[in-house]
């Protein structure tokens, strides 16, 4: 079992323990997939990391 705070996902919150226990690590290794719930969470999302696009600078 992977310790994931279920409050971050409505699907995980509403799922049974058996549904939450059935998960797969993504092939890239950067996320977790619960096939019975059709839910995917990235490691960044679990850690609360937010990515923003870099601002492009215009050259004068």
C-alpha atoms as a PDB file:
ATOM      1  CA  UNK A   1       0.000   0.000   0.000  1.00  0.00           C
ATOM      2  CA  UNK A   2       1.218   3.492  -0.856  1.00  0.00           C
ATOM      3  CA  UNK A   3       0.554   6.088   1.856  1.00  0.00           C
ATOM      4  CA  UNK A   4      -1.345   8.756  -0.096  1.00  0.00           C
ATOM      5  CA  UNK A   5      -3.462  11.423   1.597  1.00  0.00           C
ATOM      6  CA  UNK A   6      -6.875  10.495   0.182  1.00  0.00           C
ATOM      7  CA  UNK A   7      -8.296  13.976   0.748  1.00  0.00           C
ATOM      8  CA  UNK A   8      -6.403  15.256  -2.311  1.00  0.00           C
ATOM      9  CA  UNK A   9      -8.658  13.257  -4.637  1.00  0.00           C
ATOM     10  CA  UNK A  10     -12.434  12.941  -4.521  1.00  0.00           C
ATOM     11  CA  UNK A  11     -12.208   9.533  -6.205  1.00  0.00           C
ATOM     12  CA  UNK A  12      -9.730   8.247  -3.627  1.00  0.00           C
ATOM     13  CA  UNK A  13     -11.830   9.680  -0.807  1.00  0.00           C
ATOM     14  CA  UNK A  14     -14.923   7.844  -2.029  1.00  0.00           C
ATOM     15  CA  UNK A  15     -13.121   4.578  -2.855  1.00  0.00           C
ATOM     16  CA  UNK A  16     -13.048   1.450  -0.746  1.00  0.00           C
ATOM     17  CA  UNK A  17      -9.813   0.274   0.847  1.00  0.00           C
ATOM     18  CA  UNK A  18      -9.658  -2.555  -1.717  1.00  0.00           C
ATOM     19  CA  UNK A  19      -9.979  -0.085  -4.612  1.00  0.00           C
ATOM     20  CA  UNK A  20      -7.250   2.147  -3.160  1.00  0.00           C
ATOM     21  CA  UNK A  21      -4.987  -0.858  -2.575  1.00  0.00           C
ATOM     22  CA  UNK A  22      -5.047  -1.747  -6.306  1.00  0.00           C
ATOM     23  CA  UNK A  23      -2.590   0.719  -7.904  1.00  0.00           C
ATOM     24  CA  UNK A  24       0.245   0.809 -10.423  1.00  0.00           C
ATOM     25  CA  UNK A  25       3.340   2.977 -10.658  1.00  0.00           C
ATOM     26  CA  UNK A  26       3.409   4.735 -14.019  1.00  0.00           C
ATOM     27  CA  UNK A  27       5.987   3.405 -16.500  1.00  0.00           C
ATOM     28  CA  UNK A  28       7.889   6.696 -16.276  1.00  0.00           C
ATOM     29  CA  UNK A  29       7.988   6.403 -12.496  1.00  0.00           C
ATOM     30  CA  UNK A  30       6.483   9.874 -12.036  1.00  0.00           C
ATOM     31  CA  UNK A  31       2.977   8.951 -10.955  1.00  0.00           C
ATOM     32  CA  UNK A  32       0.518   6.482  -9.497  1.00  0.00           C
ATOM     33  CA  UNK A  33      -2.510   5.034 -11.316  1.00  0.00           C
ATOM     34  CA  UNK A  34      -5.547   3.382  -9.731  1.00  0.00           C
ATOM     35  CA  UNK A  35      -7.095   1.415 -12.634  1.00  0.00           C
ATOM     36  CA  UNK A  36     -10.277   0.478 -10.757  1.00  0.00           C
ATOM     37  CA  UNK A  37     -10.908   4.175 -10.102  1.00  0.00           C
ATOM     38  CA  UNK A  38      -9.484   5.590 -13.346  1.00  0.00           C
ATOM     39  CA  UNK A  39      -7.440   7.989 -11.203  1.00  0.00           C
ATOM     40  CA  UNK A  40      -3.909   9.233 -11.783  1.00  0.00           C
ATOM     41  CA  UNK A  41      -1.768  11.372  -9.501  1.00  0.00           C
ATOM     42  CA  UNK A  42       1.685  12.680 -10.285  1.00  0.00           C
ATOM     43  CA  UNK A  43       4.439  12.639  -7.690  1.00  0.00           C
ATOM     44  CA  UNK A  44       4.697  16.417  -8.055  1.00  0.00           C
ATOM     45  CA  UNK A  45       0.974  16.701  -7.306  1.00  0.00           C
ATOM     46  CA  UNK A  46       1.338  14.530  -4.225  1.00  0.00           C
ATOM     47  CA  UNK A  47       4.169  16.740  -3.002  1.00  0.00           C
ATOM     48  CA  UNK A  48       2.247  19.934  -3.758  1.00  0.00           C
ATOM     49  CA  UNK A  49       4.685  21.124  -6.413  1.00  0.00           C
ATOM     50  CA  UNK A  50       3.128  23.576  -8.867  1.00  0.00           C
ATOM     51  CA  UNK A  51       4.755  24.126 -12.243  1.00  0.00           C
ATOM     52  CA  UNK A  52       4.305  27.435 -14.032  1.00  0.00           C
ATOM     53  CA  UNK A  53       5.414  28.249 -17.555  1.00  0.00           C
ATOM     54  CA  UNK A  54       8.528  30.341 -17.746  1.00  0.00           C
ATOM     55  CA  UNK A  55       8.023  33.864 -18.946  1.00  0.00           C
ATOM     56  CA  UNK A  56       9.630  34.439 -22.315  1.00  0.00           C
ATOM     57  CA  UNK A  57      11.767  37.544 -22.585  1.00  0.00           C
ATOM     58  CA  UNK A  58      11.583  39.670 -25.677  1.00  0.00           C
ATOM     59  CA  UNK A  59      14.897  40.910 -26.933  1.00  0.00           C
ATOM     60  CA  UNK A  60      15.098  44.542 -27.961  1.00  0.00           C
END
